[in-house]
């Protein structure tokens, strides 16, 4: 029988002893909440379209070539 143990690390010298995993979960909550809203369903394709459009402009092509 295997036993899984969780290690919690604390930053030394601080009064706040929240684990890194807990802080990570708190930081991910707003993103997960936004992805569950109807606005995300509209903004995601719009953002992809604008990104591809900007890359197809002459300035976008020059920037792509300069990155290589």
C-alpha atoms as a PDB file:
ATOM      1  CA  UNK A   1       0.000   0.000   0.000  1.00  0.00           C
ATOM      2  CA  UNK A   2       1.421   3.334  -1.059  1.00  0.00           C
ATOM      3  CA  UNK A   3       0.996   6.488   0.948  1.00  0.00           C
ATOM      4  CA  UNK A   4       1.154   9.866  -0.750  1.00  0.00           C
ATOM      5  CA  UNK A   5       2.533  12.681   1.345  1.00  0.00           C
ATOM      6  CA  UNK A   6       2.235  16.355   0.592  1.00  0.00           C
ATOM      7  CA  UNK A   7       5.135  18.642   1.315  1.00  0.00           C
ATOM      8  CA  UNK A   8       4.402  22.219   2.244  1.00  0.00           C
ATOM      9  CA  UNK A   9       7.148  24.790   2.017  1.00  0.00           C
ATOM     10  CA  UNK A  10       7.113  28.142   3.751  1.00  0.00           C
ATOM     11  CA  UNK A  11       9.059  31.247   2.979  1.00  0.00           C
ATOM     12  CA  UNK A  12      11.441  31.966   5.796  1.00  0.00           C
ATOM     13  CA  UNK A  13      11.161  35.257   7.593  1.00  0.00           C
ATOM     14  CA  UNK A  14       7.509  35.927   6.798  1.00  0.00           C
ATOM     15  CA  UNK A  15       4.416  35.822   8.960  1.00  0.00           C
ATOM     16  CA  UNK A  16       2.306  34.534   6.071  1.00  0.00           C
ATOM     17  CA  UNK A  17       2.711  30.754   5.990  1.00  0.00           C
ATOM     18  CA  UNK A  18       0.520  29.954   2.990  1.00  0.00           C
ATOM     19  CA  UNK A  19       1.804  27.126   0.842  1.00  0.00           C
ATOM     20  CA  UNK A  20       2.878  27.747  -2.726  1.00  0.00           C
ATOM     21  CA  UNK A  21       0.146  25.413  -3.989  1.00  0.00           C
ATOM     22  CA  UNK A  22      -2.563  27.393  -2.212  1.00  0.00           C
ATOM     23  CA  UNK A  23      -1.275  30.672  -3.635  1.00  0.00           C
ATOM     24  CA  UNK A  24      -1.147  29.124  -7.098  1.00  0.00           C
ATOM     25  CA  UNK A  25      -4.772  28.004  -6.803  1.00  0.00           C
ATOM     26  CA  UNK A  26      -5.844  31.474  -5.694  1.00  0.00           C
ATOM     27  CA  UNK A  27      -4.013  33.041  -8.634  1.00  0.00           C
ATOM     28  CA  UNK A  28      -5.669  30.644 -11.108  1.00  0.00           C
ATOM     29  CA  UNK A  29      -9.217  31.317  -9.880  1.00  0.00           C
ATOM     30  CA  UNK A  30      -9.823  34.606 -11.785  1.00  0.00           C
ATOM     31  CA  UNK A  31      -8.577  33.035 -15.018  1.00  0.00           C
ATOM     32  CA  UNK A  32     -10.765  29.942 -14.580  1.00  0.00           C
ATOM     33  CA  UNK A  33     -13.748  32.129 -13.719  1.00  0.00           C
ATOM     34  CA  UNK A  34     -13.260  34.312 -16.806  1.00  0.00           C
ATOM     35  CA  UNK A  35     -12.895  31.253 -19.048  1.00  0.00           C
ATOM     36  CA  UNK A  36     -16.291  30.049 -17.785  1.00  0.00           C
ATOM     37  CA  UNK A  37     -18.107  33.270 -18.732  1.00  0.00           C
ATOM     38  CA  UNK A  38     -19.898  33.884 -22.040  1.00  0.00           C
ATOM     39  CA  UNK A  39     -17.594  36.860 -22.697  1.00  0.00           C
ATOM     40  CA  UNK A  40     -14.655  34.453 -23.040  1.00  0.00           C
ATOM     41  CA  UNK A  41     -16.509  32.552 -25.759  1.00  0.00           C
ATOM     42  CA  UNK A  42     -16.833  35.784 -27.744  1.00  0.00           C
ATOM     43  CA  UNK A  43     -13.434  37.318 -26.972  1.00  0.00           C
ATOM     44  CA  UNK A  44     -11.355  34.210 -27.667  1.00  0.00           C
ATOM     45  CA  UNK A  45     -12.209  33.981 -31.414  1.00  0.00           C
ATOM     46  CA  UNK A  46     -12.071  37.767 -31.720  1.00  0.00           C
ATOM     47  CA  UNK A  47      -8.611  37.822 -30.158  1.00  0.00           C
ATOM     48  CA  UNK A  48      -7.408  35.054 -32.477  1.00  0.00           C
ATOM     49  CA  UNK A  49      -8.768  36.916 -35.499  1.00  0.00           C
ATOM     50  CA  UNK A  50      -7.106  40.190 -34.495  1.00  0.00           C
ATOM     51  CA  UNK A  51      -3.830  38.408 -33.793  1.00  0.00           C
ATOM     52  CA  UNK A  52      -3.803  36.755 -37.219  1.00  0.00           C
ATOM     53  CA  UNK A  53      -4.864  40.008 -38.896  1.00  0.00           C
ATOM     54  CA  UNK A  54      -2.048  41.949 -37.217  1.00  0.00           C
ATOM     55  CA  UNK A  55       0.473  39.292 -38.250  1.00  0.00           C
ATOM     56  CA  UNK A  56      -0.687  39.610 -41.887  1.00  0.00           C
ATOM     57  CA  UNK A  57      -0.073  43.367 -42.042  1.00  0.00           C
ATOM     58  CA  UNK A  58       3.235  44.635 -43.449  1.00  0.00           C
ATOM     59  CA  UNK A  59       4.375  45.647 -39.957  1.00  0.00           C
ATOM     60  CA  UNK A  60       3.479  42.217 -38.603  1.00  0.00           C
ATOM     61  CA  UNK A  61       5.409  40.501 -41.380  1.00  0.00           C
ATOM     62  CA  UNK A  62       8.488  42.650 -40.679  1.00  0.00           C
ATOM     63  CA  UNK A  63       8.268  41.891 -36.938  1.00  0.00           C
ATOM     64  CA  UNK A  64       7.970  38.166 -37.665  1.00  0.00           C
ATOM     65  CA  UNK A  65      11.065  38.300 -39.872  1.00  0.00           C
ATOM     66  CA  UNK A  66      13.003  40.249 -37.236  1.00  0.00           C
ATOM     67  CA  UNK A  67      12.196  37.647 -34.552  1.00  0.00           C
ATOM     68  CA  UNK A  68      13.911  34.917 -36.563  1.00  0.00           C
END
